Amino acid sequence: MAKKSKLEFEEALGELENIVKALENRDLHLKDALVAFERGMELSDVCSSKLQEAESKLKVYKESHFEELDSLTSEP
């Protein structure tokens, strides 16, 4: 299991966007570009994990509230 990151989603995404811009602009030497790419992959994993966590929480929330609504509407 992947370890939890202390980075917030917005922080990871912002850093990832900066890395992408630097790579697209070819502002980095090859060695630095490789390091940046590796960091970008780590940040991508963090973002993906945070999004999956949020999706799971929303799914649970949605299901619990639909169950409540069903029980309210099915009672005479």
Foldseek 3Di string as FASTA:
>chain_A
DDDQDPDDLVRLVVLLVVLVVCVVVVVDDPVVNVVSVVSNVVSVVNNVVNVVVVVVVVVVVVVVVVVVVVVVVPDD
